[in-house]
């Protein structure tokens, strides 16, 4: 494949992956950054690392009406914090200025594994 053909293919893929939003790009960037920062304030009561670095957040989707859907999991279905963590996530995301209704969906597939943790979480938990 030539460089020109590769560039064209890359641009086609990029065009197919971009989403259209009524929100200005700088607003979506701000919301994204502030939502991640808010998620990093939520800690599993039994683990000294935030849920974002632990890899418990699978997807965050904010829409044109400023509602936010969060797909998350827990380290185990028997997690003692299962009743409170989704509410903590909902409250944290809802605290971001400009965010509307927040829906948190707890999922079990794919199952969480320690491979999802960031290097920061591994360092905090001494799991090298």
C-alpha atoms as a PDB file:
ATOM      1  CA  UNK A   1       0.000   0.000   0.000  1.00  0.00           C
ATOM      2  CA  UNK A   2       1.366   3.433  -0.882  1.00  0.00           C
ATOM      3  CA  UNK A   3       1.701   6.272   1.595  1.00  0.00           C
ATOM      4  CA  UNK A   4      -1.144   8.092  -0.164  1.00  0.00           C
ATOM      5  CA  UNK A   5      -3.390   5.018  -0.016  1.00  0.00           C
ATOM      6  CA  UNK A   6      -2.517   4.470   3.656  1.00  0.00           C
ATOM      7  CA  UNK A   7      -3.300   8.098   4.476  1.00  0.00           C
ATOM      8  CA  UNK A   8      -6.619   7.885   2.626  1.00  0.00           C
ATOM      9  CA  UNK A   9      -7.545   4.679   4.473  1.00  0.00           C
ATOM     10  CA  UNK A  10      -6.577   6.227   7.828  1.00  0.00           C
ATOM     11  CA  UNK A  11      -8.703   9.305   7.067  1.00  0.00           C
ATOM     12  CA  UNK A  12     -11.673   7.127   6.068  1.00  0.00           C
ATOM     13  CA  UNK A  13     -11.386   5.158   9.318  1.00  0.00           C
ATOM     14  CA  UNK A  14     -11.110   8.386  11.321  1.00  0.00           C
ATOM     15  CA  UNK A  15     -14.181   9.830   9.589  1.00  0.00           C
ATOM     16  CA  UNK A  16     -16.159   6.689  10.435  1.00  0.00           C
ATOM     17  CA  UNK A  17     -15.112   6.831  14.085  1.00  0.00           C
ATOM     18  CA  UNK A  18     -15.845  10.492  14.754  1.00  0.00           C
ATOM     19  CA  UNK A  19     -19.156  11.298  16.361  1.00  0.00           C
ATOM     20  CA  UNK A  20     -21.185  14.382  15.609  1.00  0.00           C
ATOM     21  CA  UNK A  21     -22.150  16.467  18.596  1.00  0.00           C
ATOM     22  CA  UNK A  22     -24.159  19.616  19.040  1.00  0.00           C
ATOM     23  CA  UNK A  23     -21.732  20.571  21.818  1.00  0.00           C
ATOM     24  CA  UNK A  24     -18.653  22.562  20.787  1.00  0.00           C
ATOM     25  CA  UNK A  25     -15.409  20.520  20.752  1.00  0.00           C
ATOM     26  CA  UNK A  26     -13.903  22.584  23.568  1.00  0.00           C
ATOM     27  CA  UNK A  27     -16.965  21.844  25.718  1.00  0.00           C
ATOM     28  CA  UNK A  28     -16.791  18.101  25.078  1.00  0.00           C
ATOM     29  CA  UNK A  29     -13.079  18.186  25.908  1.00  0.00           C
ATOM     30  CA  UNK A  30     -13.744  20.106  29.125  1.00  0.00           C
ATOM     31  CA  UNK A  31     -16.562  17.773  30.143  1.00  0.00           C
ATOM     32  CA  UNK A  32     -14.464  14.710  29.395  1.00  0.00           C
ATOM     33  CA  UNK A  33     -11.544  15.943  31.466  1.00  0.00           C
ATOM     34  CA  UNK A  34     -13.694  17.036  34.379  1.00  0.00           C
ATOM     35  CA  UNK A  35     -15.668  13.786  34.374  1.00  0.00           C
ATOM     36  CA  UNK A  36     -12.431  11.774  34.540  1.00  0.00           C
ATOM     37  CA  UNK A  37     -11.199  14.022  37.358  1.00  0.00           C
ATOM     38  CA  UNK A  38     -14.483  13.461  39.214  1.00  0.00           C
ATOM     39  CA  UNK A  39     -14.233   9.690  38.746  1.00  0.00           C
ATOM     40  CA  UNK A  40     -10.720   9.794  40.212  1.00  0.00           C
ATOM     41  CA  UNK A  41     -12.207  11.074  43.488  1.00  0.00           C
ATOM     42  CA  UNK A  42     -14.149   7.831  43.982  1.00  0.00           C
ATOM     43  CA  UNK A  43     -12.335   5.098  45.902  1.00  0.00           C
ATOM     44  CA  UNK A  44     -13.384   1.571  46.705  1.00  0.00           C
ATOM     45  CA  UNK A  45     -13.483   1.659  50.541  1.00  0.00           C
ATOM     46  CA  UNK A  46     -11.323  -1.470  50.716  1.00  0.00           C
ATOM     47  CA  UNK A  47      -8.724  -0.537  48.087  1.00  0.00           C
ATOM     48  CA  UNK A  48      -6.479   2.555  48.329  1.00  0.00           C
ATOM     49  CA  UNK A  49      -6.744   3.356  44.609  1.00  0.00           C
ATOM     50  CA  UNK A  50      -9.419   5.260  42.715  1.00  0.00           C
ATOM     51  CA  UNK A  51     -11.917   3.391  40.555  1.00  0.00           C
ATOM     52  CA  UNK A  52     -10.702   5.030  37.343  1.00  0.00           C
ATOM     53  CA  UNK A  53      -7.097   3.870  37.819  1.00  0.00           C
ATOM     54  CA  UNK A  54      -8.351   0.448  38.920  1.00  0.00           C
ATOM     55  CA  UNK A  55      -9.991   0.096  35.518  1.00  0.00           C
ATOM     56  CA  UNK A  56     -13.519  -0.236  36.870  1.00  0.00           C
ATOM     57  CA  UNK A  57     -14.895   2.356  34.439  1.00  0.00           C
ATOM     58  CA  UNK A  58     -15.564   0.725  31.083  1.00  0.00           C
ATOM     59  CA  UNK A  59     -17.260   3.553  29.237  1.00  0.00           C
ATOM     60  CA  UNK A  60     -18.454   7.131  29.722  1.00  0.00           C
ATOM     61  CA  UNK A  61     -20.857   8.491  27.151  1.00  0.00           C
ATOM     62  CA  UNK A  62     -22.087  12.065  27.320  1.00  0.00           C
ATOM     63  CA  UNK A  63     -24.818  13.163  24.981  1.00  0.00           C
ATOM     64  CA  UNK A  64     -25.926  16.411  23.362  1.00  0.00           C
ATOM     65  CA  UNK A  65     -28.510  16.957  26.120  1.00  0.00           C
ATOM     66  CA  UNK A  66     -25.591  16.715  28.611  1.00  0.00           C
ATOM     67  CA  UNK A  67     -26.834  13.477  30.120  1.00  0.00           C
ATOM     68  CA  UNK A  68     -24.075  11.016  30.947  1.00  0.00           C
ATOM     69  CA  UNK A  69     -24.130   7.213  30.851  1.00  0.00           C
ATOM     70  CA  UNK A  70     -21.407   5.423  32.787  1.00  0.00           C
ATOM     71  CA  UNK A  71     -20.723   1.726  32.317  1.00  0.00           C
ATOM     72  CA  UNK A  72     -18.722   0.308  35.194  1.00  0.00           C
ATOM     73  CA  UNK A  73     -17.930  -2.916  36.965  1.00  0.00           C
ATOM     74  CA  UNK A  74     -16.576  -4.003  40.324  1.00  0.00           C
ATOM     75  CA  UNK A  75     -13.562  -6.121  41.170  1.00  0.00           C
ATOM     76  CA  UNK A  76     -15.910  -8.971  42.087  1.00  0.00           C
ATOM     77  CA  UNK A  77     -19.694  -9.505  42.095  1.00  0.00           C
ATOM     78  CA  UNK A  78     -19.430 -10.088  45.859  1.00  0.00           C
ATOM     79  CA  UNK A  79     -17.821  -6.692  46.469  1.00  0.00           C
ATOM     80  CA  UNK A  80     -19.096  -5.297  49.790  1.00  0.00           C
ATOM     81  CA  UNK A  81     -19.196  -1.810  48.230  1.00  0.00           C
ATOM     82  CA  UNK A  82     -21.537  -2.930  45.417  1.00  0.00           C
ATOM     83  CA  UNK A  83     -24.454  -1.032  46.923  1.00  0.00           C
ATOM     84  CA  UNK A  84     -22.634   2.259  47.407  1.00  0.00           C
ATOM     85  CA  UNK A  85     -20.055   2.597  44.602  1.00  0.00           C
ATOM     86  CA  UNK A  86     -22.532   3.199  41.737  1.00  0.00           C
ATOM     87  CA  UNK A  87     -24.184   5.953  43.787  1.00  0.00           C
ATOM     88  CA  UNK A  88     -20.780   7.460  44.580  1.00  0.00           C
ATOM     89  CA  UNK A  89     -19.963   7.450  40.844  1.00  0.00           C
ATOM     90  CA  UNK A  90     -23.322   9.026  39.984  1.00  0.00           C
ATOM     91  CA  UNK A  91     -22.809  11.793  42.561  1.00  0.00           C
ATOM     92  CA  UNK A  92     -19.228  12.468  41.460  1.00  0.00           C
ATOM     93  CA  UNK A  93     -20.134  12.783  37.771  1.00  0.00           C
ATOM     94  CA  UNK A  94     -23.247  14.842  38.556  1.00  0.00           C
ATOM     95  CA  UNK A  95     -21.044  17.330  40.448  1.00  0.00           C
ATOM     96  CA  UNK A  96     -19.313  18.354  37.200  1.00  0.00           C
ATOM     97  CA  UNK A  97     -20.675  21.737  36.047  1.00  0.00           C
ATOM     98  CA  UNK A  98     -22.755  21.373  32.912  1.00  0.00           C
ATOM     99  CA  UNK A  99     -23.584  17.682  33.366  1.00  0.00           C
ATOM    100  CA  UNK A 100     -27.250  16.698  33.228  1.00  0.00           C
ATOM    101  CA  UNK A 101     -28.824  13.418  34.303  1.00  0.00           C
ATOM    102  CA  UNK A 102     -26.301  10.688  35.150  1.00  0.00           C
ATOM    103  CA  UNK A 103     -27.078   6.989  34.668  1.00  0.00           C
ATOM    104  CA  UNK A 104     -24.669   4.417  36.073  1.00  0.00           C
ATOM    105  CA  UNK A 105     -24.922   0.886  34.719  1.00  0.00           C
ATOM    106  CA  UNK A 106     -23.167  -1.888  36.604  1.00  0.00           C
ATOM    107  CA  UNK A 107     -22.012  -4.648  34.244  1.00  0.00           C
ATOM    108  CA  UNK A 108     -20.160  -7.922  34.721  1.00  0.00           C
ATOM    109  CA  UNK A 109     -19.040  -8.594  31.155  1.00  0.00           C
ATOM    110  CA  UNK A 110     -16.247  -8.383  30.457  1.00  0.00           C
ATOM    111  CA  UNK A 111     -15.154  -9.458  33.891  1.00  0.00           C
ATOM    112  CA  UNK A 112     -12.665  -7.171  35.623  1.00  0.00           C
ATOM    113  CA  UNK A 113      -9.099  -8.436  35.934  1.00  0.00           C
ATOM    114  CA  UNK A 114      -5.994  -6.797  37.428  1.00  0.00           C
ATOM    115  CA  UNK A 115      -4.752  -6.294  33.847  1.00  0.00           C
ATOM    116  CA  UNK A 116      -7.170  -3.347  33.606  1.00  0.00           C
ATOM    117  CA  UNK A 117      -5.307  -1.403  36.314  1.00  0.00           C
ATOM    118  CA  UNK A 118      -3.107   1.525  35.365  1.00  0.00           C
ATOM    119  CA  UNK A 119       0.550   1.677  36.358  1.00  0.00           C
ATOM    120  CA  UNK A 120      -0.461   4.276  38.965  1.00  0.00           C
ATOM    121  CA  UNK A 121      -2.856   1.802  40.633  1.00  0.00           C
ATOM    122  CA  UNK A 122      -0.247  -0.976  40.462  1.00  0.00           C
ATOM    123  CA  UNK A 123       2.255   1.307  42.196  1.00  0.00           C
ATOM    124  CA  UNK A 124      -0.216   2.252  44.956  1.00  0.00           C
ATOM    125  CA  UNK A 125      -1.154  -1.392  45.501  1.00  0.00           C
ATOM    126  CA  UNK A 126       2.421  -2.663  45.073  1.00  0.00           C
ATOM    127  CA  UNK A 127       1.273  -5.135  42.402  1.00  0.00           C
ATOM    128  CA  UNK A 128       4.264  -5.376  40.059  1.00  0.00           C
END
